[in-house]
Structure formats: structure tokens, C-alpha cells
Amino acid sequence: MSMNTTRILAIRHGETAWNVDTRIQGHLDIPLNTQGLRQAAHLAQALAEGDAVDAVYASDLSRAHATASAIAQALQQSVTAHPGLRERHFGEFQGRTFAEIEVELPEHAWHWRKRTPDWVPPGGGESLEMLRERILKTVDELAARHTGQQIVLVAHGGVLDILYRAATRLELQAPRTWQLTNTAVNRLLWSPQGLSMVGWGDTSHLDLLGKDETTA
């Protein structure tokens, strides 16, 4: 690998109760549920058996930080929290379910469904353009510290969506056709010229979780 590149394992946090309820979390600090903790434990075990990891970074929201902490413990490392890896701020959408938003804020829900790049959710939210700027700036900052190395970034669905689009050169408005599974491992390569895709959506560690559930 070139000394000017950084390998990134980009991971969405484990499951929360609000994920199950399709309730928007945004910047609200919702903890992992029991399933999310189990997902994080299996993920940590899988990463401990893989290639060396030089640093673990996470959003400072607890659902991401707890997932990263499980990984770091398995790797005998520490977690560095970074607010730049937070989920998109959804303003008044936060705390509402998808169905509630459609009923209570229909005009805003339309912009959300259409992925209007400069639309800002009411109540102090972030547009997709604002989110992209924040995420790519943060990833550039962190990856540049670790050229020639491999790092873990634990974040959120909206963050992973931005990273996928950046690595594949897809526009913000393009419909999503890829999965953003909780604790899936997504492999990216960073260079000063940008991100490229190595592999997406590795959930092999969750196959083991399913076997545990059937035997429990």
C-alpha cells in the first residue's frame, strides 16, 4: 500500500431501540439496545482476528462510541471521540418516526424523500450539502494522520451514506441502492485526492450472531 494512502474501516453503530422503531435519532443520544451490544461484541471479535488497526475513532454519541469501545477493547486500544463523525442533525425531525414526519411535516418530508441537497430540516438541522462538507473534512483530517496505516471510524447511517457517495462519485440526490446495516464493515481507501471503494457491507460476523440466537 502506498505511504500516501490510509485504509479505512467505516462502520455504522450497533442497533438501538429507535432503529427498530424507525424513529429519527440525529444528534439525540440514544444508547445501543441488547441486540446492538451483541452486534458490537461480534464485530469486535472479528476485527481482532483481522489485519492490524492503528487507531479507533468514533462519533461522540453513545451508540457509536459504545460500538467503538467494544472494538478498541478487543484490539487493546483506546477510542478517540470526534463530534465531526456525528449523524446528520435533523432538527424537528429528531424524535419522530418516519410515519409521524409524513403526517406532521408533509412539505419538509417531500424534500427529505427527494434528497434536496440544500434543504435544511426545520429547527436547526443540516442540509445534505452541509453534512457532506462536515464529514469529508473530518475524514480528511483523521485519515491524513495515519497515512500508510489502517483506522476504524465508527459513525452513523447518514455518515456512511456520504462516504459511499464520495467513494463512488455519486451525487447527493442519487437514490440509495446500497445497504447501511448496523455494524457492517465497509472498506475504503483514502488519499489526498479523495476516497475510493474497496468493499462494502461485510456482515459475516453477524452470521455468527444469527447462529448464536438459534442455539440460545
Protein backbone atom coordinates (compact mmCIF):
# COMPACT_ATOMS: atom_id res chain seq x y z
CA MET A 1 0.00 0.00 0.00
CA SER A 2 1.22 3.50 -0.82
CA MET A 3 2.50 5.54 2.09
CA ASN A 4 0.21 8.33 0.87
CA THR A 5 -2.95 6.31 1.46
CA THR A 6 -4.92 5.27 4.53
CA ARG A 7 -7.12 2.19 4.79
CA ILE A 8 -10.42 2.93 6.50
CA LEU A 9 -12.86 0.50 8.10
CA ALA A 10 -16.04 2.61 8.22
CA ILE A 11 -18.70 1.13 10.49
CA ARG A 12 -22.22 2.07 11.49
CA HIS A 13 -23.03 1.73 15.18
CA GLY A 14 -24.95 -1.23 16.57
CA GLU A 15 -28.73 -1.36 16.73
CA THR A 16 -30.79 0.91 19.00
CA ALA A 17 -34.44 0.76 20.03
CA TRP A 18 -35.08 3.78 17.83
CA ASN A 19 -33.60 1.98 14.81
CA VAL A 20 -36.22 -0.71 15.37
CA ASP A 21 -38.99 1.90 15.71
CA THR A 22 -37.77 3.88 12.63
CA ARG A 23 -37.50 6.92 14.88
CA ILE A 24 -35.07 9.65 13.81
CA GLN A 25 -32.12 9.90 16.17
CA GLY A 26 -29.93 12.58 14.62
CA HIS A 27 -27.92 14.25 17.40
CA LEU A 28 -30.08 12.76 20.17
CA ASP A 29 -28.00 10.40 22.29
CA ILE A 30 -29.78 7.04 22.09
CA PRO A 31 -27.95 4.01 23.57
CA LEU A 32 -27.46 0.60 21.99
CA ASN A 33 -30.12 -1.98 22.74
CA THR A 34 -29.32 -5.57 23.73
CA GLN A 35 -29.03 -6.63 20.10
CA GLY A 36 -26.74 -3.70 19.37
CA LEU A 37 -24.41 -4.66 22.19
CA ARG A 38 -24.24 -8.22 20.87
CA GLN A 39 -23.57 -6.98 17.34
CA ALA A 40 -20.72 -4.81 18.65
CA ALA A 41 -19.21 -7.74 20.55
CA HIS A 42 -19.21 -10.00 17.47
CA LEU A 43 -17.83 -7.19 15.33
CA ALA A 44 -15.02 -6.59 17.81
CA GLN A 45 -14.09 -10.26 17.81
CA ALA A 46 -13.98 -10.32 14.01
CA LEU A 47 -11.79 -7.23 13.77
CA ALA A 48 -9.43 -8.57 16.43
CA GLU A 49 -8.81 -11.56 14.16
CA GLY A 50 -8.12 -9.38 11.09
CA ASP A 51 -5.41 -7.02 9.92
CA ALA A 52 -3.76 -4.64 12.38
CA VAL A 53 -5.65 -1.46 13.25
CA ASP A 54 -3.64 1.61 14.19
CA ALA A 55 -6.38 3.85 15.62
CA VAL A 56 -10.08 3.78 16.50
CA TYR A 57 -12.21 6.91 16.08
CA ALA A 58 -15.90 7.35 16.80
CA SER A 59 -18.71 9.84 16.89
CA ASP A 60 -19.13 11.16 20.43
CA LEU A 61 -22.76 9.96 20.51
CA SER A 62 -23.03 6.95 22.81
CA ARG A 63 -24.41 4.47 20.27
CA ALA A 64 -21.30 4.92 18.13
CA HIS A 65 -18.86 5.36 21.00
CA ALA A 66 -20.07 2.19 22.74
CA THR A 67 -19.67 0.22 19.50
CA ALA A 68 -16.17 1.61 19.07
CA SER A 69 -15.31 0.87 22.70
CA ALA A 70 -16.05 -2.82 22.17
CA ILE A 71 -13.73 -2.80 19.15
CA ALA A 72 -10.99 -0.91 20.96
CA GLN A 73 -11.11 -3.25 23.95
CA ALA A 74 -10.70 -6.27 21.68
CA LEU A 75 -7.78 -4.54 19.95
CA GLN A 76 -6.28 -3.35 23.26
CA GLN A 77 -6.56 0.25 22.13
CA SER A 78 -8.48 3.37 23.11
CA VAL A 79 -11.23 5.30 21.35
CA THR A 80 -10.81 8.89 20.21
CA ALA A 81 -14.18 10.66 20.04
CA HIS A 82 -14.77 13.24 17.31
CA PRO A 83 -18.01 15.25 17.02
CA GLY A 84 -17.36 15.62 13.28
CA LEU A 85 -18.45 11.98 12.88
CA ARG A 86 -21.91 12.63 14.34
CA GLU A 87 -25.10 11.76 12.50
CA ARG A 88 -26.83 14.46 10.47
CA HIS A 89 -28.69 16.97 12.63
CA PHE A 90 -32.34 16.56 11.71
CA GLY A 91 -33.80 19.48 13.66
CA GLU A 92 -37.50 18.94 14.40
CA PHE A 93 -37.41 15.53 12.72
CA GLN A 94 -35.45 14.18 15.69
CA GLY A 95 -37.57 12.02 17.97
CA ARG A 96 -40.25 11.47 15.32
CA THR A 97 -40.91 8.31 13.34
CA PHE A 98 -40.97 8.28 9.53
CA ALA A 99 -44.77 7.98 9.63
CA GLU A 100 -45.16 10.92 12.02
CA ILE A 101 -42.98 13.14 9.84
CA GLU A 102 -45.11 12.38 6.76
CA VAL A 103 -48.25 13.46 8.63
CA GLU A 104 -46.95 16.36 10.72
CA LEU A 105 -44.42 17.96 8.35
CA PRO A 106 -45.50 16.89 4.84
CA GLU A 107 -43.77 19.68 2.88
CA HIS A 108 -40.49 19.03 4.63
CA ALA A 109 -40.97 15.27 4.28
CA TRP A 110 -41.16 15.74 0.49
CA HIS A 111 -37.76 17.44 0.40
CA TRP A 112 -36.37 14.69 2.60
CA ARG A 113 -37.67 11.93 0.30
CA LYS A 114 -36.38 13.76 -2.79
CA ARG A 115 -32.99 14.35 -1.15
CA THR A 116 -32.99 18.07 -1.96
CA PRO A 117 -29.29 18.88 -1.42
CA ASP A 118 -29.70 22.36 0.08
CA TRP A 119 -32.89 21.70 2.08
CA VAL A 120 -32.41 22.27 5.81
CA PRO A 121 -34.72 20.42 8.25
CA PRO A 122 -36.72 22.88 10.38
CA GLY A 123 -35.38 23.64 13.83
CA GLY A 124 -31.65 23.94 13.20
CA GLY A 125 -30.91 20.86 11.12
CA GLU A 126 -28.23 20.25 8.49
CA SER A 127 -28.68 20.07 4.74
CA LEU A 128 -27.10 17.20 2.83
CA GLU A 129 -24.56 19.68 1.47
CA MET A 130 -23.67 20.79 5.00
CA LEU A 131 -23.40 17.18 6.13
CA ARG A 132 -21.14 16.23 3.23
CA GLU A 133 -18.81 19.16 3.92
CA ARG A 134 -18.55 18.25 7.61
CA ILE A 135 -17.99 14.53 7.06
CA LEU A 136 -15.42 14.80 4.30
CA LYS A 137 -13.49 17.46 6.20
CA THR A 138 -13.41 15.21 9.27
CA VAL A 139 -12.35 12.12 7.33
CA ASP A 140 -9.61 14.08 5.55
CA GLU A 141 -8.35 15.30 8.92
CA LEU A 142 -8.31 11.87 10.56
CA ALA A 143 -7.04 9.85 7.61
CA ALA A 144 -4.19 12.29 6.96
CA ARG A 145 -2.85 11.49 10.44
CA HIS A 146 -2.45 7.81 9.54
CA THR A 147 -1.02 7.52 6.04
CA GLY A 148 0.31 4.03 5.43
CA GLN A 149 -1.90 2.68 8.23
CA GLN A 150 -5.41 1.32 8.83
CA ILE A 151 -8.00 3.05 11.02
CA VAL A 152 -11.53 2.35 12.22
CA LEU A 153 -14.24 5.03 12.02
CA VAL A 154 -17.48 4.25 13.86
CA ALA A 155 -20.31 6.57 12.93
CA HIS A 156 -23.91 6.60 11.68
CA GLY A 157 -26.08 5.73 8.70
CA GLY A 158 -26.09 9.24 7.28
CA VAL A 159 -22.32 9.45 7.61
CA LEU A 160 -21.81 6.11 5.86
CA ASP A 161 -24.16 7.24 3.08
CA ILE A 162 -21.97 10.28 2.45
CA LEU A 163 -18.80 8.17 2.42
CA TYR A 164 -20.29 5.72 -0.09
CA ARG A 165 -21.27 8.57 -2.40
CA ALA A 166 -17.87 10.21 -2.12
CA ALA A 167 -16.05 6.94 -2.86
CA THR A 168 -18.24 6.11 -5.86
CA ARG A 169 -18.66 9.71 -7.14
CA LEU A 170 -22.45 9.58 -6.79
CA GLU A 171 -24.48 12.76 -6.45
CA LEU A 172 -26.30 13.58 -3.23
CA GLN A 173 -29.67 13.21 -4.95
CA ALA A 174 -28.98 9.76 -6.42
CA PRO A 175 -31.36 7.12 -4.97
CA ARG A 176 -29.73 4.84 -2.43
CA THR A 177 -29.31 1.29 -3.72
CA TRP A 178 -26.84 0.03 -1.07
CA GLN A 179 -27.29 -1.23 2.47
CA LEU A 180 -26.31 0.63 5.65
CA THR A 181 -26.54 -2.30 8.03
CA ASN A 182 -25.75 -1.86 11.72
CA THR A 183 -22.11 -2.87 12.40
CA ALA A 184 -21.41 -3.84 8.76
CA VAL A 185 -17.74 -3.33 7.84
CA ASN A 186 -17.20 -1.01 4.88
CA ARG A 187 -13.68 -0.76 3.45
CA LEU A 188 -12.44 2.45 1.89
CA LEU A 189 -9.09 3.79 0.74
CA TRP A 190 -8.23 7.44 1.39
CA SER A 191 -5.63 9.51 -0.41
CA PRO A 192 -5.18 13.29 -0.68
CA GLN A 193 -7.17 13.02 -3.94
CA GLY A 194 -10.22 11.56 -2.14
CA LEU A 195 -11.88 8.27 -1.24
CA SER A 196 -12.19 5.05 -3.25
CA MET A 197 -14.18 1.90 -2.61
CA VAL A 198 -12.54 -1.38 -1.57
CA GLY A 199 -15.54 -3.33 -0.26
CA TRP A 200 -18.97 -2.60 1.19
CA GLY A 201 -21.38 -4.19 3.63
CA ASP A 202 -19.38 -7.08 5.12
CA THR A 203 -21.73 -8.66 7.67
CA SER A 204 -20.04 -12.05 8.04
CA HIS A 205 -19.69 -11.51 11.80
CA LEU A 206 -23.48 -11.14 12.02
CA ASP A 207 -23.89 -14.61 10.52
CA LEU A 208 -22.28 -15.92 13.71
CA LEU A 209 -24.67 -13.78 15.75
CA GLY A 210 -27.61 -15.45 13.99
CA LYS A 211 -26.22 -18.89 14.87
CA ASP A 212 -25.92 -17.84 18.50
CA GLU A 213 -29.60 -16.83 18.52
CA THR A 214 -30.77 -20.17 17.14
CA THR A 215 -28.80 -22.14 19.72
CA ALA A 216 -29.56 -19.94 22.71
